[in-house]
Each structure stands twice: as structure tokens, then as C-alpha cells.
């Protein structure tokens, strides 16, 4: 049995395989399982039961392969609009989880792993088959309602992880720019790096950022504004034989309309815009930043995929390449096509898997009943808004359709 579809992050990881005979489409079986068929103490009136100190339960429709569903852990209400602060955690199938205030939203949610359920794994980190197969929600309900001490929990906010990395991965300091200002924080592109990018239309390109003695941004001066703020790229499409002829690339100067603006680059068209279009591939933004040296600016490269866009744009994991490596590259190789990743969110959920696929050789996802603590306002001084969350099943309790995740939650009872 093979099931083709677009896959995103791995369980607890960040690898994105954009062309894969993969897992997710195989999870749409409507068959039910005796493992995790009920909520184990959950209820239908989420808000009332949560405030009453009871276990509240909600079935989250996270079945979309493109959109995330945000959940309010005080009311159980769901939304696909992640721009505000009325959601706390957002889900997309088994593999993408976001906290409000990280990549999206205006909140300040932090989270911690409260119970790791180590018994589900052996000393090598491999699943213990009998434990997974025989686990039921009732068996692990006490782990959810345990009065954990908040001071023992390592709460952390979500971090954005761009596939291109931090600016220092694709740019470098130039102390000689401009002339007469040695030691300045001017940054220019690193021309020695070549990046393999899969576009939103599914085409492969090599992208080289060009220096041209033009500063991209100034890490030390927040008021610095360049007359011609821009990013310059050389875009080389893959040839029919899978090679990349760097001598045949096209140079594109994408000009920002504001020193703190953005440009959206379309690799297939070889054009750019200062507003998002449906086919944008790379977004370059200059943002204000604060460090020990004071205020300044920083450049960020984002992809139209993963957690930062609706497209399928991704970067090859072996990037950046040297010029010699590009000349030897075969973009038509099957293994090459499987090695792409997009922007991701780094949080306690992505660092600690909460489902495991293929236990006992089956094509199903089994929960590991880990308990996560979410501080809804991110304020360590207040503990009355810490919610403990546990996933108990991945399939709809009635239809068995995949991507309908049952979460049960309870307010932390502090000791």
C-alpha cells in the first residue's frame, strides 16, 4: 500500500520531505482501535469543567495539510485565524505544533514537558511495543491531574527556526563599509554560499546571494537607512539533465520600499514584489533588533512553506553548497528530492514527540500520553493559568478519520 501526499515536519523534528511516498495519506483509515477510543475523564463543556477543576476534553480538527487550527485552552474554541491572542496552541495533523507568541499570534504562551512517559521507550529511545499497544487513556489520567510544582518545570517560549538559518549563515560583517567607518556593523551577503531551493511550483533552483559591496543592514544603528536598500540574488534553474549551470543564472535586485520592509521573491518568474503574492518563494525582511551592543537591524530570510507560508517552498538540508559542489550536483537524483526542509517552529512539542507511528508494524499513530504544561500568559509569577495538556488519540472518536486529535486538559493544581 502506498499513499502519496505532501509531508511536513517529522514527529518531534523539522525535516520536510516535499515529494514523498509517505505516512499521512495512510492515516485516513476510518477503522477504529481499542486503544484510546474514549477521553478518559474528558467532558463536552470544556470551559465550565476546566474552571471547576475537572478534566476538559476537545477534539481538534487538525486534519488539514496546509492550515493550522488554533485552540483556546480556556474555552476549547478553535480558530484558523492565528493573528491574535485568542488561541494558545495550534495543530496541523501529527507533526506541526505552534505556541501563540512564537511564529504567529500576539500572545506570550510558554510551555514545558511535565511528564516524559519514559516507560514508553527503551534505553535506546526506541518504542516499547507492548506499552504503546496496551496503553489506554484511563491508565495515564493520573499523570495529567498530578499536582506538579511549577518551579520544577522548564517553561520556554517558541523560537522561529528559518531554514536559511540566522543571518550569519548567509551574510558576513564588512568593517570596511562604508569607507571611513571601520568597525561598523554593516553586513553584506556571503557570495561563497549556494542554496538549493524548491519553489512553490515544484522547480529546483540554486540561489546565490551577491555582495556587490552593498550593505544589507546595519546591526548597530537602528536609524541606518540605505538609499538603495535591497537584496541581490543570482537565480539558476535546474537544467533538464538535473545539472545547474551557474554561468546561466539570472541576477535579480529586489529593492525594499522601506528600511524595515520586506520583499517577496518569485524564483520561477524571476521577479519580486513588496507585498505577498500567491507564488512568492523567498521573503527577505529587515527587522529592528536589540542586543548587548544596543539597537540595530537584522535580516531574515523566510520560505513560503512550513510554518511561514501556505506554499511548498523548501531548502535542501545540504545547503549551503560550494561552487564545486553545485557543479557536481544532480538535482534529478531521487535522494536529492527527498532532502528538503522548510521553516519550522521550535518548542517543547516539536522537541518531544507526542505520537509514534508504526508501532507493532501498523499504519497508525499511537499517543505516548506525555503531559505538557502551558503557561498561558508566560508569566512565572502567576500559576493560576497553567494548563496541563495530554493527547489521547489521533483519530476521530466516531468516524476514525485521521487528524482529529483529542486533547484533554486540566488546570494545574499547585501543591
Foldseek 3Di string as FASTA:
>chain_A
DWDWDFAAADFLGFFGQGGDRDFDRVQFDLDDDPAQLDDQQEDDFQQVQQVVQGKHKEWAQQADPFFKWFAQNNGRDIDRPQAEQRGAWIHHFQAAIAGAPELHYDFQKWKFFQFQLCVQADPVRHGDQVCQRPDHSNVQVCVFQPQDAVVVTDIDHKYWAFLCGFVVSFKDADQCPPPPRGPWQFIFGDQQWWWWKQFLVRWIKIKGWDGPVDTQWTQQDAPDDDPFRWTKIWIWTADPQQATDSVPTDIATFTAPGNFFKKFAQRVVRDIDRDDDPGTFKMKGKAWDQDPSGIIIGIDIFGQDEPPHRGSMWIFNPTTDGPVVRRVGRRVDPVRSRGTGHMGMDHPSSNRGQWDAQRVNDSHITGSFTKMWMQSRNDPVDQQRIKIKTWRGQADSNRRGGSGIMMMIHRNDHD
